[in-house]
Amino acid sequence: MQYIVAGAGPAGVVACETIRKLSPDASITLIGAEPEPPYSRMAIPYLLSEIIAEQGTYLRKTDGYYEQMNINRLQQRISGIDASASQLKLDNSESLDFDRLLLATGAIPINPHTGRGSGGRATLLDSGGCQGNCCKSKKRFIGSTDGCRFYRLYYSGITG
């Protein structure tokens, strides 16, 4: 049985682990677009506050965890699904066949402020490196409005 889980957040990781427990011989592929290991967005405020290091945001801390669990991790974007052919299309023009597909992609954060104003308001997009010298941590912000003087992190649950 070929399982594909689209979305490398907490739901996707736990789904893969659960499938592995229930079906030890199954082929499991976890697909996420971000280059970092699967991480918890809810831990980002602690990273920005320098309470934890980037590795502290990772969902599974053991090196080689996904390989040990025989879970194939792909860093790729999905461009389409052909449900009738049980095929997933990837941005790199490859296709993957599946018997079962789980979409666990979560949501995209939005900026609750639509205008350009003071305060360095931004939307936290994902991990992977700061643009400019706006922050000490390695987190990327988009929509900066005034030179990165400071950021307001509303909470990790704003979605749209």
N, C-alpha and C. Protein backbone atom coordinates (compact mmCIF):
# COMPACT_ATOMS: atom_id res chain seq x y z
N MET A 1 0.85 -1.18 0.00
CA MET A 1 0.00 0.00 0.00
C MET A 1 0.89 1.24 0.00
N GLN A 2 0.61 2.18 -0.88
CA GLN A 2 1.37 3.43 -1.00
C GLN A 2 0.55 4.57 -0.42
N TYR A 3 1.02 5.11 0.72
CA TYR A 3 0.38 6.26 1.35
C TYR A 3 1.19 7.50 1.05
N ILE A 4 0.51 8.59 0.72
CA ILE A 4 1.15 9.89 0.59
C ILE A 4 0.43 10.84 1.53
N VAL A 5 1.24 11.56 2.33
CA VAL A 5 0.71 12.56 3.25
C VAL A 5 1.25 13.91 2.78
N ALA A 6 0.36 14.80 2.38
CA ALA A 6 0.73 16.13 1.90
C ALA A 6 0.60 17.10 3.06
N GLY A 7 1.75 17.62 3.51
CA GLY A 7 1.78 18.54 4.64
C GLY A 7 2.66 17.98 5.73
N ALA A 8 3.78 18.66 5.98
CA ALA A 8 4.77 18.17 6.94
C ALA A 8 4.69 18.87 8.28
N GLY A 9 3.49 19.29 8.67
CA GLY A 9 3.28 19.87 9.99
C GLY A 9 2.94 18.77 10.99
N PRO A 10 2.50 19.16 12.18
CA PRO A 10 2.18 18.16 13.21
C PRO A 10 1.17 17.11 12.75
N ALA A 11 0.11 17.51 12.07
CA ALA A 11 -0.90 16.54 11.63
C ALA A 11 -0.31 15.54 10.65
N GLY A 12 0.50 16.02 9.72
CA GLY A 12 1.10 15.13 8.73
C GLY A 12 2.08 14.15 9.35
N VAL A 13 2.90 14.65 10.27
CA VAL A 13 3.89 13.78 10.93
C VAL A 13 3.20 12.71 11.77
N VAL A 14 2.22 13.11 12.56
CA VAL A 14 1.51 12.13 13.40
C VAL A 14 0.74 11.14 12.52
N ALA A 15 0.20 11.59 11.42
CA ALA A 15 -0.49 10.68 10.50
C ALA A 15 0.48 9.62 9.98
N CYS A 16 1.67 10.03 9.57
CA CYS A 16 2.67 9.07 9.09
C CYS A 16 3.06 8.07 10.18
N GLU A 17 3.25 8.56 11.38
CA GLU A 17 3.61 7.67 12.49
C GLU A 17 2.49 6.68 12.79
N THR A 18 1.25 7.14 12.72
CA THR A 18 0.10 6.27 12.97
C THR A 18 -0.03 5.22 11.87
N ILE A 19 0.13 5.63 10.62
CA ILE A 19 0.10 4.67 9.51
C ILE A 19 1.19 3.62 9.71
N ARG A 20 2.39 4.05 10.09
CA ARG A 20 3.49 3.11 10.29
C ARG A 20 3.14 2.08 11.36
N LYS A 21 2.53 2.51 12.46
CA LYS A 21 2.14 1.58 13.53
C LYS A 21 1.09 0.58 13.04
N LEU A 22 0.14 1.07 12.25
CA LEU A 22 -0.96 0.22 11.79
C LEU A 22 -0.59 -0.64 10.58
N SER A 23 0.38 -0.19 9.82
CA SER A 23 0.76 -0.89 8.59
C SER A 23 2.29 -0.87 8.45
N PRO A 24 2.98 -1.75 9.19
CA PRO A 24 4.45 -1.71 9.22
C PRO A 24 5.14 -1.85 7.87
N ASP A 25 4.49 -2.49 6.91
CA ASP A 25 5.12 -2.70 5.61
C ASP A 25 4.72 -1.68 4.55
N ALA A 26 3.89 -0.74 4.89
CA ALA A 26 3.40 0.24 3.92
C ALA A 26 4.52 1.17 3.46
N SER A 27 4.38 1.68 2.26
CA SER A 27 5.26 2.72 1.75
C SER A 27 4.61 4.06 2.11
N ILE A 28 5.35 4.91 2.82
CA ILE A 28 4.80 6.19 3.30
C ILE A 28 5.70 7.32 2.81
N THR A 29 5.08 8.31 2.18
CA THR A 29 5.80 9.50 1.72
C THR A 29 5.16 10.73 2.35
N LEU A 30 5.99 11.54 3.00
CA LEU A 30 5.57 12.80 3.63
C LEU A 30 6.10 13.93 2.76
N ILE A 31 5.20 14.76 2.24
CA ILE A 31 5.60 15.84 1.33
C ILE A 31 5.37 17.19 2.00
N GLY A 32 6.41 18.01 2.01
CA GLY A 32 6.34 19.38 2.51
C GLY A 32 7.24 20.27 1.67
N ALA A 33 6.84 21.50 1.46
CA ALA A 33 7.59 22.40 0.58
C ALA A 33 8.80 23.03 1.27
N GLU A 34 8.81 23.07 2.57
CA GLU A 34 9.88 23.78 3.28
C GLU A 34 11.12 22.90 3.42
N PRO A 35 12.31 23.52 3.33
CA PRO A 35 13.55 22.73 3.38
C PRO A 35 13.90 22.22 4.78
N GLU A 36 13.38 22.85 5.82
CA GLU A 36 13.70 22.44 7.18
C GLU A 36 12.97 21.15 7.55
N PRO A 37 13.47 20.45 8.55
CA PRO A 37 12.70 19.30 9.06
C PRO A 37 11.33 19.79 9.54
N PRO A 38 10.34 18.91 9.56
CA PRO A 38 9.02 19.32 10.04
C PRO A 38 9.14 19.99 11.42
N TYR A 39 8.47 21.15 11.56
CA TYR A 39 8.59 21.93 12.79
C TYR A 39 7.22 22.42 13.24
N SER A 40 7.18 22.88 14.48
CA SER A 40 5.94 23.39 15.07
C SER A 40 5.89 24.91 14.93
N ARG A 41 4.91 25.40 14.22
CA ARG A 41 4.75 26.85 14.11
C ARG A 41 4.39 27.47 15.48
N MET A 42 3.77 26.67 16.33
CA MET A 42 3.40 27.19 17.65
C MET A 42 4.64 27.46 18.51
N ALA A 43 5.80 26.91 18.14
CA ALA A 43 7.03 27.15 18.88
C ALA A 43 7.77 28.39 18.40
N ILE A 44 7.32 28.99 17.31
CA ILE A 44 8.03 30.14 16.73
C ILE A 44 8.15 31.32 17.70
N PRO A 45 7.12 31.66 18.49
CA PRO A 45 7.32 32.76 19.45
C PRO A 45 8.47 32.51 20.42
N TYR A 46 8.69 31.26 20.81
CA TYR A 46 9.79 30.93 21.72
C TYR A 46 11.13 31.06 21.01
N LEU A 47 11.16 30.75 19.73
CA LEU A 47 12.38 30.93 18.95
C LEU A 47 12.68 32.41 18.79
N LEU A 48 11.67 33.21 18.46
CA LEU A 48 11.87 34.64 18.28
C LEU A 48 12.28 35.32 19.57
N SER A 49 11.83 34.78 20.69
CA SER A 49 12.20 35.32 22.00
C SER A 49 13.53 34.77 22.49
N GLU A 50 14.14 33.92 21.66
CA GLU A 50 15.42 33.28 21.97
C GLU A 50 15.36 32.41 23.22
N ILE A 51 14.18 31.86 23.51
CA ILE A 51 14.02 30.91 24.60
C ILE A 51 14.49 29.53 24.16
N ILE A 52 14.29 29.22 22.87
CA ILE A 52 14.75 27.95 22.31
C ILE A 52 15.53 28.22 21.03
N ALA A 53 16.34 27.25 20.64
CA ALA A 53 17.05 27.32 19.36
C ALA A 53 16.14 26.79 18.27
N GLU A 54 16.54 26.97 17.02
CA GLU A 54 15.72 26.50 15.91
C GLU A 54 15.40 25.01 16.02
N GLN A 55 16.37 24.22 16.46
CA GLN A 55 16.14 22.78 16.59
C GLN A 55 15.04 22.48 17.60
N GLY A 56 14.80 23.38 18.52
CA GLY A 56 13.73 23.21 19.50
C GLY A 56 12.34 23.28 18.89
N THR A 57 12.23 23.80 17.68
CA THR A 57 10.94 23.87 17.00
C THR A 57 10.63 22.58 16.23
N TYR A 58 11.66 21.75 16.02
CA TYR A 58 11.47 20.53 15.22
C TYR A 58 10.52 19.58 15.94
N LEU A 59 9.66 18.94 15.17
CA LEU A 59 8.68 18.01 15.74
C LEU A 59 9.33 16.75 16.26
N ARG A 60 10.36 16.27 15.61
CA ARG A 60 11.09 15.08 16.05
C ARG A 60 12.56 15.44 16.09
N LYS A 61 13.17 15.28 17.24
CA LYS A 61 14.52 15.80 17.48
C LYS A 61 15.64 14.82 17.11
N THR A 62 15.35 13.55 16.97
CA THR A 62 16.38 12.55 16.72
C THR A 62 16.87 12.63 15.27
N ASP A 63 18.19 12.70 15.09
CA ASP A 63 18.76 12.68 13.74
C ASP A 63 18.35 11.39 13.05
N GLY A 64 17.93 11.49 11.80
CA GLY A 64 17.56 10.32 11.03
C GLY A 64 16.25 9.68 11.44
N TYR A 65 15.41 10.41 12.19
CA TYR A 65 14.16 9.85 12.70
C TYR A 65 13.27 9.32 11.58
N TYR A 66 13.06 10.10 10.54
CA TYR A 66 12.15 9.71 9.46
C TYR A 66 12.68 8.50 8.69
N GLU A 67 14.00 8.46 8.51
CA GLU A 67 14.61 7.30 7.87
C GLU A 67 14.43 6.06 8.74
N GLN A 68 14.63 6.20 10.06
CA GLN A 68 14.45 5.07 10.98
C GLN A 68 13.02 4.56 10.96
N MET A 69 12.07 5.46 10.77
CA MET A 69 10.65 5.08 10.71
C MET A 69 10.25 4.63 9.30
N ASN A 70 11.20 4.63 8.38
CA ASN A 70 10.95 4.27 6.98
C ASN A 70 9.85 5.16 6.37
N ILE A 71 9.98 6.46 6.66
CA ILE A 71 9.08 7.47 6.09
C ILE A 71 9.92 8.31 5.12
N ASN A 72 9.54 8.30 3.87
CA ASN A 72 10.24 9.05 2.85
C ASN A 72 9.78 10.51 2.91
N ARG A 73 10.71 11.44 3.19
CA ARG A 73 10.38 12.87 3.22
C ARG A 73 10.79 13.50 1.91
N LEU A 74 9.84 14.18 1.27
CA LEU A 74 10.12 14.90 0.03
C LEU A 74 9.93 16.39 0.26
N GLN A 75 10.93 17.19 -0.12
CA GLN A 75 10.77 18.64 -0.12
C GLN A 75 10.33 19.03 -1.52
N GLN A 76 9.04 19.27 -1.65
CA GLN A 76 8.48 19.53 -2.97
C GLN A 76 7.13 20.21 -2.82
N ARG A 77 6.74 20.96 -3.82
CA ARG A 77 5.39 21.52 -3.86
C ARG A 77 4.52 20.65 -4.75
N ILE A 78 3.27 20.54 -4.38
CA ILE A 78 2.31 19.76 -5.15
C ILE A 78 1.59 20.71 -6.11
N SER A 79 1.55 20.33 -7.37
CA SER A 79 0.91 21.20 -8.36
C SER A 79 -0.46 20.69 -8.79
N GLY A 80 -0.78 19.44 -8.49
CA GLY A 80 -2.08 18.93 -8.88
C GLY A 80 -2.32 17.52 -8.38
N ILE A 81 -3.59 17.15 -8.36
CA ILE A 81 -4.00 15.82 -7.96
C ILE A 81 -4.94 15.28 -9.03
N ASP A 82 -4.63 14.10 -9.52
CA ASP A 82 -5.52 13.39 -10.45
C ASP A 82 -6.12 12.23 -9.65
N ALA A 83 -7.27 12.47 -9.04
CA ALA A 83 -7.88 11.48 -8.16
C ALA A 83 -8.28 10.22 -8.92
N SER A 84 -8.76 10.36 -10.15
CA SER A 84 -9.20 9.19 -10.91
C SER A 84 -8.03 8.28 -11.27
N ALA A 85 -6.84 8.84 -11.45
CA ALA A 85 -5.65 8.05 -11.76
C ALA A 85 -4.83 7.74 -10.51
N SER A 86 -5.28 8.23 -9.34
CA SER A 86 -4.53 8.07 -8.08
C SER A 86 -3.09 8.53 -8.25
N GLN A 87 -2.96 9.76 -8.74
CA GLN A 87 -1.65 10.32 -9.02
C GLN A 87 -1.54 11.74 -8.52
N LEU A 88 -0.39 12.05 -7.97
CA LEU A 88 -0.08 13.38 -7.46
C LEU A 88 0.95 14.00 -8.38
N LYS A 89 0.72 15.23 -8.81
CA LYS A 89 1.66 15.95 -9.67
C LYS A 89 2.49 16.90 -8.81
N LEU A 90 3.80 16.90 -9.03
CA LEU A 90 4.71 17.76 -8.29
C LEU A 90 5.19 18.90 -9.17
N ASP A 91 5.66 19.99 -8.54
CA ASP A 91 6.16 21.15 -9.28
C ASP A 91 7.34 20.82 -10.18
N ASN A 92 8.10 19.78 -9.86
CA ASN A 92 9.26 19.44 -10.68
C ASN A 92 8.88 18.54 -11.86
N SER A 93 7.59 18.47 -12.17
CA SER A 93 7.03 17.71 -13.29
C SER A 93 6.97 16.21 -13.05
N GLU A 94 7.39 15.75 -11.87
CA GLU A 94 7.27 14.33 -11.54
C GLU A 94 5.85 14.03 -11.08
N SER A 95 5.49 12.76 -11.15
CA SER A 95 4.20 12.29 -10.65
C SER A 95 4.44 11.15 -9.68
N LEU A 96 3.60 11.06 -8.67
CA LEU A 96 3.67 9.97 -7.70
C LEU A 96 2.33 9.26 -7.68
N ASP A 97 2.38 7.93 -7.73
CA ASP A 97 1.17 7.13 -7.59
C ASP A 97 0.87 6.93 -6.12
N PHE A 98 -0.41 6.81 -5.79
CA PHE A 98 -0.79 6.54 -4.41
C PHE A 98 -2.01 5.64 -4.36
N ASP A 99 -2.10 4.91 -3.25
CA ASP A 99 -3.31 4.15 -2.94
C ASP A 99 -4.20 4.97 -2.02
N ARG A 100 -3.56 5.68 -1.10
CA ARG A 100 -4.27 6.55 -0.15
C ARG A 100 -3.54 7.88 -0.07
N LEU A 101 -4.30 8.97 -0.08
CA LEU A 101 -3.74 10.32 0.00
C LEU A 101 -4.40 11.06 1.15
N LEU A 102 -3.58 11.66 2.00
CA LEU A 102 -4.09 12.50 3.09
C LEU A 102 -3.59 13.91 2.88
N LEU A 103 -4.51 14.88 2.85
CA LEU A 103 -4.15 16.30 2.75
C LEU A 103 -4.16 16.88 4.15
N ALA A 104 -2.98 17.23 4.65
CA ALA A 104 -2.82 17.79 5.99
C ALA A 104 -1.99 19.07 5.88
N THR A 105 -2.43 19.95 4.99
CA THR A 105 -1.61 21.11 4.63
C THR A 105 -1.76 22.31 5.56
N GLY A 106 -2.70 22.29 6.48
CA GLY A 106 -2.85 23.40 7.40
C GLY A 106 -3.36 24.65 6.73
N ALA A 107 -2.90 25.81 7.19
CA ALA A 107 -3.39 27.09 6.70
C ALA A 107 -2.22 28.02 6.47
N ILE A 108 -2.49 29.12 5.81
CA ILE A 108 -1.47 30.14 5.53
C ILE A 108 -1.74 31.35 6.43
N PRO A 109 -0.72 31.82 7.18
CA PRO A 109 -0.93 32.98 8.03
C PRO A 109 -1.18 34.25 7.21
N ILE A 110 -1.98 35.14 7.74
CA ILE A 110 -2.25 36.41 7.07
C ILE A 110 -1.84 37.56 7.97
N ASN A 111 -1.63 38.72 7.36
CA ASN A 111 -1.33 39.94 8.10
C ASN A 111 -2.67 40.61 8.42
N PRO A 112 -3.01 40.77 9.72
CA PRO A 112 -4.29 41.38 10.05
C PRO A 112 -4.36 42.87 9.74
N HIS A 113 -3.23 43.49 9.42
CA HIS A 113 -3.20 44.92 9.10
C HIS A 113 -3.00 45.07 7.60
N THR A 114 -3.90 45.78 6.96
CA THR A 114 -3.83 45.90 5.51
C THR A 114 -3.06 47.13 5.05
N GLY A 115 -2.96 48.14 5.87
CA GLY A 115 -2.28 49.36 5.46
C GLY A 115 -0.82 49.37 5.83
N ARG A 116 -0.09 50.28 5.23
CA ARG A 116 1.32 50.45 5.59
C ARG A 116 1.37 51.48 6.71
N GLY A 117 1.86 51.05 7.84
CA GLY A 117 1.93 51.96 8.98
C GLY A 117 3.19 51.73 9.76
N SER A 118 3.30 52.38 10.88
CA SER A 118 4.50 52.19 11.70
C SER A 118 4.37 50.91 12.50
N GLY A 119 5.46 50.49 13.05
CA GLY A 119 5.43 49.34 13.93
C GLY A 119 6.05 48.09 13.36
N GLY A 120 6.53 48.12 12.13
CA GLY A 120 7.19 46.95 11.58
C GLY A 120 6.29 45.74 11.52
N ARG A 121 5.01 45.95 11.25
CA ARG A 121 4.08 44.83 11.18
C ARG A 121 4.46 43.91 10.03
N ALA A 122 4.39 42.63 10.26
CA ALA A 122 4.75 41.67 9.23
C ALA A 122 4.01 40.37 9.46
N THR A 123 3.99 39.56 8.45
CA THR A 123 3.44 38.22 8.57
C THR A 123 4.59 37.24 8.63
N LEU A 124 4.57 36.37 9.59
CA LEU A 124 5.59 35.36 9.71
C LEU A 124 5.25 34.25 8.73
N LEU A 125 6.08 34.08 7.71
CA LEU A 125 5.76 33.13 6.66
C LEU A 125 6.24 31.73 7.00
N ASP A 126 7.53 31.58 7.20
CA ASP A 126 8.06 30.26 7.50
C ASP A 126 9.48 30.41 8.02
N SER A 127 10.08 29.30 8.39
CA SER A 127 11.45 29.37 8.85
C SER A 127 12.37 29.37 7.65
N GLY A 128 13.62 29.75 7.86
CA GLY A 128 14.55 29.63 6.75
C GLY A 128 15.43 30.83 6.50
N GLY A 129 15.62 31.71 7.42
CA GLY A 129 16.57 32.79 7.19
C GLY A 129 15.90 34.15 7.19
N CYS A 130 16.52 35.07 7.88
CA CYS A 130 15.97 36.41 8.01
C CYS A 130 16.33 37.24 6.79
N GLN A 131 15.42 38.06 6.32
CA GLN A 131 15.71 38.96 5.22
C GLN A 131 16.32 40.22 5.81
N GLY A 132 17.52 40.54 5.39
CA GLY A 132 18.21 41.70 5.95
C GLY A 132 18.70 41.37 7.35
N ASN A 133 18.87 42.40 8.19
CA ASN A 133 19.33 42.16 9.55
C ASN A 133 18.22 42.50 10.54
N CYS A 134 16.99 42.11 10.20
CA CYS A 134 15.83 42.50 10.97
C CYS A 134 15.70 41.76 12.29
N CYS A 135 16.25 40.59 12.37
CA CYS A 135 16.06 39.83 13.59
C CYS A 135 17.28 38.97 13.84
N LYS A 136 17.47 38.60 15.09
CA LYS A 136 18.61 37.78 15.47
C LYS A 136 18.38 36.32 15.14
N SER A 137 17.13 35.89 15.19
CA SER A 137 16.83 34.49 14.91
C SER A 137 16.78 34.25 13.41
N LYS A 138 16.67 32.98 13.04
CA LYS A 138 16.64 32.63 11.62
C LYS A 138 15.21 32.39 11.19
N LYS A 139 14.41 33.43 11.23
CA LYS A 139 13.01 33.34 10.79
C LYS A 139 12.76 34.40 9.75
N ARG A 140 11.96 34.10 8.76
CA ARG A 140 11.71 35.01 7.66
C ARG A 140 10.39 35.74 7.87
N PHE A 141 10.41 37.04 7.67
CA PHE A 141 9.21 37.84 7.75
C PHE A 141 8.91 38.40 6.37
N ILE A 142 7.64 38.56 6.04
CA ILE A 142 7.28 39.25 4.81
C ILE A 142 6.40 40.45 5.17
N GLY A 143 6.36 41.41 4.32
CA GLY A 143 5.50 42.57 4.53
C GLY A 143 6.03 43.58 5.52
N SER A 144 7.32 43.64 5.73
CA SER A 144 7.89 44.60 6.66
C SER A 144 7.52 46.01 6.22
N THR A 145 7.17 46.85 7.18
CA THR A 145 6.72 48.19 6.81
C THR A 145 7.64 49.32 7.23
N ASP A 146 8.48 49.09 8.23
CA ASP A 146 9.34 50.24 8.55
C ASP A 146 10.68 49.86 9.14
N GLY A 147 11.47 49.20 8.30
CA GLY A 147 12.85 48.98 8.65
C GLY A 147 13.09 47.97 9.76
N CYS A 148 12.13 47.16 10.10
CA CYS A 148 12.34 46.08 11.07
C CYS A 148 12.71 46.58 12.46
N ARG A 149 12.16 47.72 12.89
CA ARG A 149 12.47 48.20 14.23
C ARG A 149 11.98 47.25 15.30
N PHE A 150 10.77 46.74 15.12
CA PHE A 150 10.27 45.69 16.01
C PHE A 150 9.12 44.99 15.32
N TYR A 151 8.76 43.84 15.86
CA TYR A 151 7.67 43.05 15.30
C TYR A 151 6.64 42.78 16.37
N ARG A 152 5.41 42.67 15.92
CA ARG A 152 4.33 42.24 16.80
C ARG A 152 3.90 40.86 16.34
N LEU A 153 4.03 39.89 17.21
CA LEU A 153 3.57 38.56 16.89
C LEU A 153 2.23 38.40 17.58
N TYR A 154 1.16 38.40 16.81
CA TYR A 154 -0.17 38.40 17.38
C TYR A 154 -0.48 37.08 18.07
N TYR A 155 -0.35 36.01 17.38
CA TYR A 155 -0.35 34.65 17.89
C TYR A 155 -0.28 33.74 16.68
N SER A 156 0.10 32.53 16.90
CA SER A 156 0.37 31.65 15.77
C SER A 156 -0.90 31.13 15.11
N GLY A 157 -2.05 31.53 15.58
CA GLY A 157 -3.28 30.96 15.05
C GLY A 157 -4.05 31.83 14.07
N ILE A 158 -3.55 33.00 13.68
CA ILE A 158 -4.28 33.84 12.74
C ILE A 158 -4.17 33.20 11.36
N THR A 159 -5.28 32.86 10.77
CA THR A 159 -5.27 32.26 9.44
C THR A 159 -6.36 32.90 8.60
N GLY A 160 -6.26 32.72 7.32
CA GLY A 160 -7.26 33.29 6.45
C GLY A 160 -7.45 32.50 5.20
